[in-house]
């Protein structure tokens, strides 16, 4: 059997704010939205323009408290050719990226951003 990753889901407090973060930070677009007003939730599927993998944002209408993210080191990851240029762009956009990092003191290979709900997104040099 051949399995393909199709999406990952995160829960958000403010759907529009989360969609705007992923659009501004990474150029993601809303591929589709599914509203379930009788059940009080909306699903928004975001996709990179050239990609098939989707990020599903789940918005529950009545949620008021932030979701508990746990103490694990979970994160999403996106790849980019120009890591330094991307880092500079995120700084200029006021997205507060963490400093560029390398593994075991090596050359910079990645940095992290935090989305409006506190989820980490790793930006990795491709």
C-alpha atoms as a PDB file:
ATOM      1  CA  UNK A   1       0.000   0.000   0.000  1.00  0.00           C
ATOM      2  CA  UNK A   2       1.068   3.563  -0.707  1.00  0.00           C
ATOM      3  CA  UNK A   3       0.096   6.265   1.803  1.00  0.00           C
ATOM      4  CA  UNK A   4       0.338  10.017   1.268  1.00  0.00           C
ATOM      5  CA  UNK A   5       0.071  12.760   3.856  1.00  0.00           C
ATOM      6  CA  UNK A   6      -2.956  14.903   2.957  1.00  0.00           C
ATOM      7  CA  UNK A   7      -3.397  17.321   5.858  1.00  0.00           C
ATOM      8  CA  UNK A   8      -2.714  18.143   9.461  1.00  0.00           C
ATOM      9  CA  UNK A   9      -5.194  19.889  11.732  1.00  0.00           C
ATOM     10  CA  UNK A  10      -4.763  22.576  14.357  1.00  0.00           C
ATOM     11  CA  UNK A  11      -7.479  24.285  16.381  1.00  0.00           C
ATOM     12  CA  UNK A  12      -7.650  28.076  16.377  1.00  0.00           C
ATOM     13  CA  UNK A  13      -9.469  30.735  18.423  1.00  0.00           C
ATOM     14  CA  UNK A  14      -9.794  33.282  15.600  1.00  0.00           C
ATOM     15  CA  UNK A  15     -10.138  31.793  12.120  1.00  0.00           C
ATOM     16  CA  UNK A  16      -9.601  35.030  10.172  1.00  0.00           C
ATOM     17  CA  UNK A  17      -6.513  35.946  12.205  1.00  0.00           C
ATOM     18  CA  UNK A  18      -5.022  32.470  11.700  1.00  0.00           C
ATOM     19  CA  UNK A  19      -5.770  32.467   7.957  1.00  0.00           C
ATOM     20  CA  UNK A  20      -4.169  35.900   7.608  1.00  0.00           C
ATOM     21  CA  UNK A  21      -1.035  34.784   9.499  1.00  0.00           C
ATOM     22  CA  UNK A  22      -0.490  31.794   7.195  1.00  0.00           C
ATOM     23  CA  UNK A  23      -1.235  33.927   4.111  1.00  0.00           C
ATOM     24  CA  UNK A  24       1.143  36.706   5.167  1.00  0.00           C
ATOM     25  CA  UNK A  25       3.905  34.467   6.502  1.00  0.00           C
ATOM     26  CA  UNK A  26       3.923  31.708   3.871  1.00  0.00           C
ATOM     27  CA  UNK A  27       1.631  32.660   0.983  1.00  0.00           C
ATOM     28  CA  UNK A  28      -0.901  29.947   1.850  1.00  0.00           C
ATOM     29  CA  UNK A  29      -4.334  30.302   0.281  1.00  0.00           C
ATOM     30  CA  UNK A  30      -7.687  29.009   1.460  1.00  0.00           C
ATOM     31  CA  UNK A  31      -8.335  25.992  -0.757  1.00  0.00           C
ATOM     32  CA  UNK A  32     -11.825  25.475   0.671  1.00  0.00           C
ATOM     33  CA  UNK A  33     -13.941  26.109   3.726  1.00  0.00           C
ATOM     34  CA  UNK A  34     -16.617  23.924   5.236  1.00  0.00           C
ATOM     35  CA  UNK A  35     -19.080  25.539   7.633  1.00  0.00           C
ATOM     36  CA  UNK A  36     -21.132  23.464  10.056  1.00  0.00           C
ATOM     37  CA  UNK A  37     -23.284  26.084  11.837  1.00  0.00           C
ATOM     38  CA  UNK A  38     -25.636  23.513  13.370  1.00  0.00           C
ATOM     39  CA  UNK A  39     -22.616  21.906  15.042  1.00  0.00           C
ATOM     40  CA  UNK A  40     -20.882  25.262  15.688  1.00  0.00           C
ATOM     41  CA  UNK A  41     -17.591  24.766  13.862  1.00  0.00           C
ATOM     42  CA  UNK A  42     -15.825  25.683  10.617  1.00  0.00           C
ATOM     43  CA  UNK A  43     -12.979  23.925   8.823  1.00  0.00           C
ATOM     44  CA  UNK A  44     -10.628  25.970   6.647  1.00  0.00           C
ATOM     45  CA  UNK A  45      -8.111  24.149   4.452  1.00  0.00           C
ATOM     46  CA  UNK A  46      -4.988  26.139   3.540  1.00  0.00           C
ATOM     47  CA  UNK A  47      -2.510  25.160   0.874  1.00  0.00           C
ATOM     48  CA  UNK A  48       0.754  26.489  -0.506  1.00  0.00           C
ATOM     49  CA  UNK A  49       0.193  27.572  -4.135  1.00  0.00           C
ATOM     50  CA  UNK A  50       2.361  24.739  -5.549  1.00  0.00           C
ATOM     51  CA  UNK A  51       1.553  22.111  -2.941  1.00  0.00           C
ATOM     52  CA  UNK A  52      -1.043  19.431  -2.369  1.00  0.00           C
ATOM     53  CA  UNK A  53      -0.581  19.061   1.405  1.00  0.00           C
ATOM     54  CA  UNK A  54      -3.092  21.070   3.419  1.00  0.00           C
ATOM     55  CA  UNK A  55      -3.207  22.703   6.817  1.00  0.00           C
ATOM     56  CA  UNK A  56      -6.680  22.309   8.289  1.00  0.00           C
ATOM     57  CA  UNK A  57      -7.702  25.064  10.703  1.00  0.00           C
ATOM     58  CA  UNK A  58     -10.584  24.034  12.953  1.00  0.00           C
ATOM     59  CA  UNK A  59     -12.581  26.864  14.483  1.00  0.00           C
ATOM     60  CA  UNK A  60     -15.086  25.975  17.204  1.00  0.00           C
ATOM     61  CA  UNK A  61     -17.577  28.837  17.587  1.00  0.00           C
ATOM     62  CA  UNK A  62     -17.963  28.719  21.359  1.00  0.00           C
ATOM     63  CA  UNK A  63     -14.313  28.324  22.358  1.00  0.00           C
ATOM     64  CA  UNK A  64     -13.032  31.252  24.467  1.00  0.00           C
ATOM     65  CA  UNK A  65      -9.903  29.870  26.144  1.00  0.00           C
ATOM     66  CA  UNK A  66      -6.654  29.125  24.285  1.00  0.00           C
ATOM     67  CA  UNK A  67      -6.022  25.481  23.498  1.00  0.00           C
ATOM     68  CA  UNK A  68      -3.439  23.662  25.607  1.00  0.00           C
ATOM     69  CA  UNK A  69      -0.504  22.948  23.329  1.00  0.00           C
ATOM     70  CA  UNK A  70       1.332  20.669  25.727  1.00  0.00           C
ATOM     71  CA  UNK A  71       5.000  20.602  26.545  1.00  0.00           C
ATOM     72  CA  UNK A  72       6.133  18.466  23.611  1.00  0.00           C
ATOM     73  CA  UNK A  73       8.233  19.949  20.850  1.00  0.00           C
ATOM     74  CA  UNK A  74       5.561  19.693  18.171  1.00  0.00           C
ATOM     75  CA  UNK A  75       5.628  21.961  15.141  1.00  0.00           C
ATOM     76  CA  UNK A  76       4.772  22.370  11.487  1.00  0.00           C
ATOM     77  CA  UNK A  77       7.589  22.829   8.958  1.00  0.00           C
ATOM     78  CA  UNK A  78       7.821  24.683   5.649  1.00  0.00           C
ATOM     79  CA  UNK A  79      10.776  24.776   3.252  1.00  0.00           C
ATOM     80  CA  UNK A  80      12.269  27.819   1.539  1.00  0.00           C
ATOM     81  CA  UNK A  81      15.261  28.357  -0.772  1.00  0.00           C
ATOM     82  CA  UNK A  82      16.353  31.746   0.628  1.00  0.00           C
ATOM     83  CA  UNK A  83      16.312  31.243   4.399  1.00  0.00           C
ATOM     84  CA  UNK A  84      17.952  34.576   5.227  1.00  0.00           C
ATOM     85  CA  UNK A  85      15.628  36.480   2.892  1.00  0.00           C
ATOM     86  CA  UNK A  86      12.602  34.758   4.401  1.00  0.00           C
ATOM     87  CA  UNK A  87      13.799  35.565   7.931  1.00  0.00           C
ATOM     88  CA  UNK A  88      14.298  39.223   6.957  1.00  0.00           C
ATOM     89  CA  UNK A  89      10.821  39.370   5.372  1.00  0.00           C
ATOM     90  CA  UNK A  90       9.211  37.907   8.505  1.00  0.00           C
ATOM     91  CA  UNK A  91      11.095  40.445  10.673  1.00  0.00           C
ATOM     92  CA  UNK A  92       9.956  43.331   8.461  1.00  0.00           C
ATOM     93  CA  UNK A  93       6.355  42.066   8.616  1.00  0.00           C
ATOM     94  CA  UNK A  94       6.497  42.169  12.427  1.00  0.00           C
ATOM     95  CA  UNK A  95       6.041  38.401  12.795  1.00  0.00           C
ATOM     96  CA  UNK A  96       8.865  38.157  15.373  1.00  0.00           C
ATOM     97  CA  UNK A  97      10.831  35.171  14.025  1.00  0.00           C
ATOM     98  CA  UNK A  98      13.298  33.478  16.356  1.00  0.00           C
ATOM     99  CA  UNK A  99      16.988  33.801  15.427  1.00  0.00           C
ATOM    100  CA  UNK A 100      18.455  31.638  12.642  1.00  0.00           C
ATOM    101  CA  UNK A 101      19.805  28.354  14.018  1.00  0.00           C
ATOM    102  CA  UNK A 102      21.918  25.405  12.976  1.00  0.00           C
ATOM    103  CA  UNK A 103      22.182  21.941  14.469  1.00  0.00           C
ATOM    104  CA  UNK A 104      25.082  21.415  16.866  1.00  0.00           C
ATOM    105  CA  UNK A 105      26.522  24.843  16.106  1.00  0.00           C
ATOM    106  CA  UNK A 106      26.491  24.302  12.338  1.00  0.00           C
ATOM    107  CA  UNK A 107      25.502  26.766   9.626  1.00  0.00           C
ATOM    108  CA  UNK A 108      22.025  28.300   9.931  1.00  0.00           C
ATOM    109  CA  UNK A 109      19.458  25.863   8.528  1.00  0.00           C
ATOM    110  CA  UNK A 110      16.185  26.947  10.165  1.00  0.00           C
ATOM    111  CA  UNK A 111      14.228  29.313  12.396  1.00  0.00           C
ATOM    112  CA  UNK A 112      10.837  29.302  14.082  1.00  0.00           C
ATOM    113  CA  UNK A 113       7.756  31.521  13.991  1.00  0.00           C
ATOM    114  CA  UNK A 114       4.837  31.325  16.398  1.00  0.00           C
ATOM    115  CA  UNK A 115       1.324  31.631  14.944  1.00  0.00           C
ATOM    116  CA  UNK A 116      -1.481  33.583  16.689  1.00  0.00           C
ATOM    117  CA  UNK A 117      -2.520  30.478  18.662  1.00  0.00           C
ATOM    118  CA  UNK A 118       1.024  29.659  19.805  1.00  0.00           C
ATOM    119  CA  UNK A 119       1.793  26.856  17.357  1.00  0.00           C
ATOM    120  CA  UNK A 120       5.401  26.748  16.193  1.00  0.00           C
ATOM    121  CA  UNK A 121       6.228  26.768  12.493  1.00  0.00           C
ATOM    122  CA  UNK A 122       9.769  25.800  11.516  1.00  0.00           C
ATOM    123  CA  UNK A 123      11.127  27.455   8.391  1.00  0.00           C
ATOM    124  CA  UNK A 124      13.817  25.168   6.930  1.00  0.00           C
ATOM    125  CA  UNK A 125      16.365  25.825   4.192  1.00  0.00           C
ATOM    126  CA  UNK A 126      15.532  23.556   1.233  1.00  0.00           C
END
